[in-house]
């Protein structure tokens, strides 16, 4: 949504939030990526609509994004350090002599073995046959060292 200098910012925010209610799912996903620069979470359109509205309001009022809140929470616990995935990233992991390559493609999907997956953890589970944290399995999450 473009801002015009002659419009009250509060009115613009209200119009932007109202417009979200009518967005189709595809446009809603595009709005999420544009706002957050992150992969679209695998949630229903109604939940995604709430998350997009929250992000818009956080930006308008200089609040913290969901990603920032999660990162702060992680740092406060000080147990692990995870690195998020970005669009176009390629993750490699050798498991029992086989190299597995996972990509986060431009459509915001996680791809492995010519199939789209909803999470890295699902891929790790398919590879190993056991429950794994996907970020841990692919080396995106490491235990923090004691100070």
C-alpha atoms as a PDB file:
ATOM      1  CA  UNK A   1       0.000   0.000   0.000  1.00  0.00           C
ATOM      2  CA  UNK A   2       1.466   3.337  -1.023  1.00  0.00           C
ATOM      3  CA  UNK A   3       1.525   6.203   1.448  1.00  0.00           C
ATOM      4  CA  UNK A   4       0.465   9.622   0.248  1.00  0.00           C
ATOM      5  CA  UNK A   5       1.633  12.783   2.028  1.00  0.00           C
ATOM      6  CA  UNK A   6      -1.851  14.278   2.328  1.00  0.00           C
ATOM      7  CA  UNK A   7      -3.392  11.320   4.166  1.00  0.00           C
ATOM      8  CA  UNK A   8      -3.410  10.895   7.941  1.00  0.00           C
ATOM      9  CA  UNK A   9      -1.134   7.960   8.927  1.00  0.00           C
ATOM     10  CA  UNK A  10      -3.819   6.580  11.250  1.00  0.00           C
ATOM     11  CA  UNK A  11      -6.317   6.579   8.386  1.00  0.00           C
ATOM     12  CA  UNK A  12      -3.803   4.848   6.127  1.00  0.00           C
ATOM     13  CA  UNK A  13      -3.158   2.179   8.740  1.00  0.00           C
ATOM     14  CA  UNK A  14      -6.883   1.584   9.215  1.00  0.00           C
ATOM     15  CA  UNK A  15      -7.395   1.291   5.435  1.00  0.00           C
ATOM     16  CA  UNK A  16      -4.458  -1.095   5.084  1.00  0.00           C
ATOM     17  CA  UNK A  17      -5.779  -3.299   7.889  1.00  0.00           C
ATOM     18  CA  UNK A  18      -9.297  -3.241   6.416  1.00  0.00           C
ATOM     19  CA  UNK A  19      -7.951  -4.246   2.994  1.00  0.00           C
ATOM     20  CA  UNK A  20      -6.371  -7.382   4.473  1.00  0.00           C
ATOM     21  CA  UNK A  21      -9.816  -8.777   5.273  1.00  0.00           C
ATOM     22  CA  UNK A  22     -10.586  -9.057   1.554  1.00  0.00           C
ATOM     23  CA  UNK A  23      -7.253 -10.380   0.303  1.00  0.00           C
ATOM     24  CA  UNK A  24      -7.282 -13.810  -1.323  1.00  0.00           C
ATOM     25  CA  UNK A  25      -4.890 -16.372   0.168  1.00  0.00           C
ATOM     26  CA  UNK A  26      -2.222 -15.919  -2.546  1.00  0.00           C
ATOM     27  CA  UNK A  27      -2.139 -12.149  -2.102  1.00  0.00           C
ATOM     28  CA  UNK A  28      -2.047 -12.610   1.665  1.00  0.00           C
ATOM     29  CA  UNK A  29       1.035 -14.825   1.350  1.00  0.00           C
ATOM     30  CA  UNK A  30       2.702 -12.218  -0.890  1.00  0.00           C
ATOM     31  CA  UNK A  31       1.911  -9.529   1.692  1.00  0.00           C
ATOM     32  CA  UNK A  32       3.555 -11.660   4.405  1.00  0.00           C
ATOM     33  CA  UNK A  33       6.754 -12.107   2.401  1.00  0.00           C
ATOM     34  CA  UNK A  34       6.870  -8.409   1.507  1.00  0.00           C
ATOM     35  CA  UNK A  35       6.434  -7.391   5.147  1.00  0.00           C
ATOM     36  CA  UNK A  36       8.690  -9.923   6.827  1.00  0.00           C
ATOM     37  CA  UNK A  37      11.116 -11.153   4.145  1.00  0.00           C
ATOM     38  CA  UNK A  38      10.496 -14.637   5.564  1.00  0.00           C
ATOM     39  CA  UNK A  39       8.943 -17.892   4.417  1.00  0.00           C
ATOM     40  CA  UNK A  40       5.170 -18.015   4.747  1.00  0.00           C
ATOM     41  CA  UNK A  41       4.231 -20.107   7.789  1.00  0.00           C
ATOM     42  CA  UNK A  42       2.037 -23.143   7.186  1.00  0.00           C
ATOM     43  CA  UNK A  43      -1.086 -21.760   8.847  1.00  0.00           C
ATOM     44  CA  UNK A  44      -4.655 -21.151   7.760  1.00  0.00           C
ATOM     45  CA  UNK A  45      -5.442 -17.937   5.873  1.00  0.00           C
ATOM     46  CA  UNK A  46      -7.363 -16.622   8.888  1.00  0.00           C
ATOM     47  CA  UNK A  47      -4.336 -17.045  11.176  1.00  0.00           C
ATOM     48  CA  UNK A  48      -2.021 -15.612   8.502  1.00  0.00           C
ATOM     49  CA  UNK A  49      -4.390 -12.625   8.192  1.00  0.00           C
ATOM     50  CA  UNK A  50      -3.945 -11.949  11.928  1.00  0.00           C
ATOM     51  CA  UNK A  51      -0.169 -12.308  11.679  1.00  0.00           C
ATOM     52  CA  UNK A  52      -0.004  -9.906   8.713  1.00  0.00           C
ATOM     53  CA  UNK A  53      -2.154  -7.387  10.580  1.00  0.00           C
ATOM     54  CA  UNK A  54       0.127  -7.669  13.603  1.00  0.00           C
ATOM     55  CA  UNK A  55       3.235  -7.106  11.467  1.00  0.00           C
ATOM     56  CA  UNK A  56       1.670  -4.059   9.775  1.00  0.00           C
ATOM     57  CA  UNK A  57       0.792  -2.523  13.128  1.00  0.00           C
ATOM     58  CA  UNK A  58       4.207  -3.315  14.588  1.00  0.00           C
ATOM     59  CA  UNK A  59       5.898  -1.542  11.680  1.00  0.00           C
ATOM     60  CA  UNK A  60       3.520   1.421  11.867  1.00  0.00           C
ATOM     61  CA  UNK A  61       4.076   1.869  15.602  1.00  0.00           C
ATOM     62  CA  UNK A  62       7.762   0.912  15.656  1.00  0.00           C
ATOM     63  CA  UNK A  63       7.012  -2.301  17.522  1.00  0.00           C
ATOM     64  CA  UNK A  64       8.932  -5.527  17.410  1.00  0.00           C
ATOM     65  CA  UNK A  65       8.282  -8.083  14.693  1.00  0.00           C
ATOM     66  CA  UNK A  66       7.412 -11.674  15.545  1.00  0.00           C
ATOM     67  CA  UNK A  67      10.879 -12.736  14.352  1.00  0.00           C
ATOM     68  CA  UNK A  68      12.529 -10.231  16.686  1.00  0.00           C
ATOM     69  CA  UNK A  69      10.407 -11.377  19.632  1.00  0.00           C
ATOM     70  CA  UNK A  70      11.297 -15.010  18.933  1.00  0.00           C
ATOM     71  CA  UNK A  71      14.983 -14.158  18.641  1.00  0.00           C
ATOM     72  CA  UNK A  72      14.921 -12.238  21.936  1.00  0.00           C
ATOM     73  CA  UNK A  73      13.160 -15.161  23.626  1.00  0.00           C
ATOM     74  CA  UNK A  74      15.799 -17.538  22.301  1.00  0.00           C
ATOM     75  CA  UNK A  75      18.617 -15.320  23.516  1.00  0.00           C
ATOM     76  CA  UNK A  76      16.981 -14.998  26.935  1.00  0.00           C
ATOM     77  CA  UNK A  77      16.859 -18.793  27.314  1.00  0.00           C
ATOM     78  CA  UNK A  78      20.500 -18.929  26.174  1.00  0.00           C
ATOM     79  CA  UNK A  79      20.349 -22.652  25.453  1.00  0.00           C
ATOM     80  CA  UNK A  80      20.549 -22.764  21.674  1.00  0.00           C
ATOM     81  CA  UNK A  81      21.381 -20.459  18.827  1.00  0.00           C
ATOM     82  CA  UNK A  82      19.416 -20.977  15.615  1.00  0.00           C
ATOM     83  CA  UNK A  83      20.003 -19.388  12.251  1.00  0.00           C
ATOM     84  CA  UNK A  84      16.888 -18.855  10.144  1.00  0.00           C
ATOM     85  CA  UNK A  85      16.505 -19.932   6.557  1.00  0.00           C
ATOM     86  CA  UNK A  86      16.324 -17.419   3.748  1.00  0.00           C
ATOM     87  CA  UNK A  87      14.835 -17.711   0.281  1.00  0.00           C
ATOM     88  CA  UNK A  88      17.145 -19.535  -2.088  1.00  0.00           C
ATOM     89  CA  UNK A  89      19.211 -21.159   0.655  1.00  0.00           C
ATOM     90  CA  UNK A  90      20.567 -24.645   0.001  1.00  0.00           C
ATOM     91  CA  UNK A  91      21.160 -26.962   2.952  1.00  0.00           C
ATOM     92  CA  UNK A  92      23.272 -30.084   2.702  1.00  0.00           C
ATOM     93  CA  UNK A  93      23.553 -32.944   5.157  1.00  0.00           C
ATOM     94  CA  UNK A  94      25.191 -36.302   4.789  1.00  0.00           C
ATOM     95  CA  UNK A  95      23.310 -39.068   6.561  1.00  0.00           C
ATOM     96  CA  UNK A  96      24.503 -42.674   6.522  1.00  0.00           C
ATOM     97  CA  UNK A  97      26.585 -42.190   3.398  1.00  0.00           C
ATOM     98  CA  UNK A  98      23.948 -40.300   1.389  1.00  0.00           C
ATOM     99  CA  UNK A  99      24.095 -36.568   0.713  1.00  0.00           C
ATOM    100  CA  UNK A 100      20.709 -34.890   1.194  1.00  0.00           C
ATOM    101  CA  UNK A 101      20.127 -31.459  -0.318  1.00  0.00           C
ATOM    102  CA  UNK A 102      17.225 -29.257   0.760  1.00  0.00           C
ATOM    103  CA  UNK A 103      16.376 -25.902  -0.813  1.00  0.00           C
ATOM    104  CA  UNK A 104      14.092 -23.094   0.248  1.00  0.00           C
ATOM    105  CA  UNK A 105      12.765 -22.042  -3.137  1.00  0.00           C
ATOM    106  CA  UNK A 106      11.298 -18.821  -4.462  1.00  0.00           C
ATOM    107  CA  UNK A 107       7.768 -20.093  -3.784  1.00  0.00           C
ATOM    108  CA  UNK A 108       8.735 -20.267  -0.096  1.00  0.00           C
ATOM    109  CA  UNK A 109       8.562 -24.030  -0.034  1.00  0.00           C
ATOM    110  CA  UNK A 110      11.054 -26.457   1.424  1.00  0.00           C
ATOM    111  CA  UNK A 111      12.061 -28.892  -1.316  1.00  0.00           C
ATOM    112  CA  UNK A 112      13.746 -32.260  -0.930  1.00  0.00           C
ATOM    113  CA  UNK A 113      13.646 -35.243  -3.305  1.00  0.00           C
ATOM    114  CA  UNK A 114      11.490 -33.341  -5.842  1.00  0.00           C
ATOM    115  CA  UNK A 115       8.750 -32.826  -3.254  1.00  0.00           C
ATOM    116  CA  UNK A 116       7.603 -29.860  -1.183  1.00  0.00           C
ATOM    117  CA  UNK A 117       7.625 -30.204   2.611  1.00  0.00           C
ATOM    118  CA  UNK A 118       6.067 -27.988   5.253  1.00  0.00           C
ATOM    119  CA  UNK A 119       9.089 -27.924   7.577  1.00  0.00           C
ATOM    120  CA  UNK A 120      12.722 -28.882   7.922  1.00  0.00           C
ATOM    121  CA  UNK A 121      11.727 -31.169  10.779  1.00  0.00           C
ATOM    122  CA  UNK A 122       9.482 -33.191   8.439  1.00  0.00           C
ATOM    123  CA  UNK A 123      12.404 -33.624   6.037  1.00  0.00           C
ATOM    124  CA  UNK A 124      14.752 -34.657   8.864  1.00  0.00           C
ATOM    125  CA  UNK A 125      12.158 -37.160  10.075  1.00  0.00           C
ATOM    126  CA  UNK A 126      11.783 -38.612   6.554  1.00  0.00           C
ATOM    127  CA  UNK A 127      15.555 -38.958   6.198  1.00  0.00           C
ATOM    128  CA  UNK A 128      16.265 -40.489   9.602  1.00  0.00           C
ATOM    129  CA  UNK A 129      13.023 -42.258  10.472  1.00  0.00           C
ATOM    130  CA  UNK A 130      13.059 -40.590  13.905  1.00  0.00           C
ATOM    131  CA  UNK A 131      11.891 -37.281  15.324  1.00  0.00           C
ATOM    132  CA  UNK A 132      14.532 -34.601  14.844  1.00  0.00           C
ATOM    133  CA  UNK A 133      14.580 -30.850  15.068  1.00  0.00           C
ATOM    134  CA  UNK A 134      15.020 -29.879  11.418  1.00  0.00           C
ATOM    135  CA  UNK A 135      17.169 -26.812  12.232  1.00  0.00           C
ATOM    136  CA  UNK A 136      19.368 -28.978  14.482  1.00  0.00           C
ATOM    137  CA  UNK A 137      19.652 -31.758  11.887  1.00  0.00           C
ATOM    138  CA  UNK A 138      20.741 -29.329   9.161  1.00  0.00           C
ATOM    139  CA  UNK A 139      23.162 -27.456  11.418  1.00  0.00           C
ATOM    140  CA  UNK A 140      21.086 -24.298  11.841  1.00  0.00           C
ATOM    141  CA  UNK A 141      20.759 -24.756  15.596  1.00  0.00           C
ATOM    142  CA  UNK A 142      23.651 -25.291  17.942  1.00  0.00           C
ATOM    143  CA  UNK A 143      23.920 -25.531  21.692  1.00  0.00           C
ATOM    144  CA  UNK A 144      25.479 -22.463  23.210  1.00  0.00           C
ATOM    145  CA  UNK A 145      28.738 -22.862  25.043  1.00  0.00           C
ATOM    146  CA  UNK A 146      28.879 -22.010  28.711  1.00  0.00           C
ATOM    147  CA  UNK A 147      30.431 -18.606  29.363  1.00  0.00           C
END
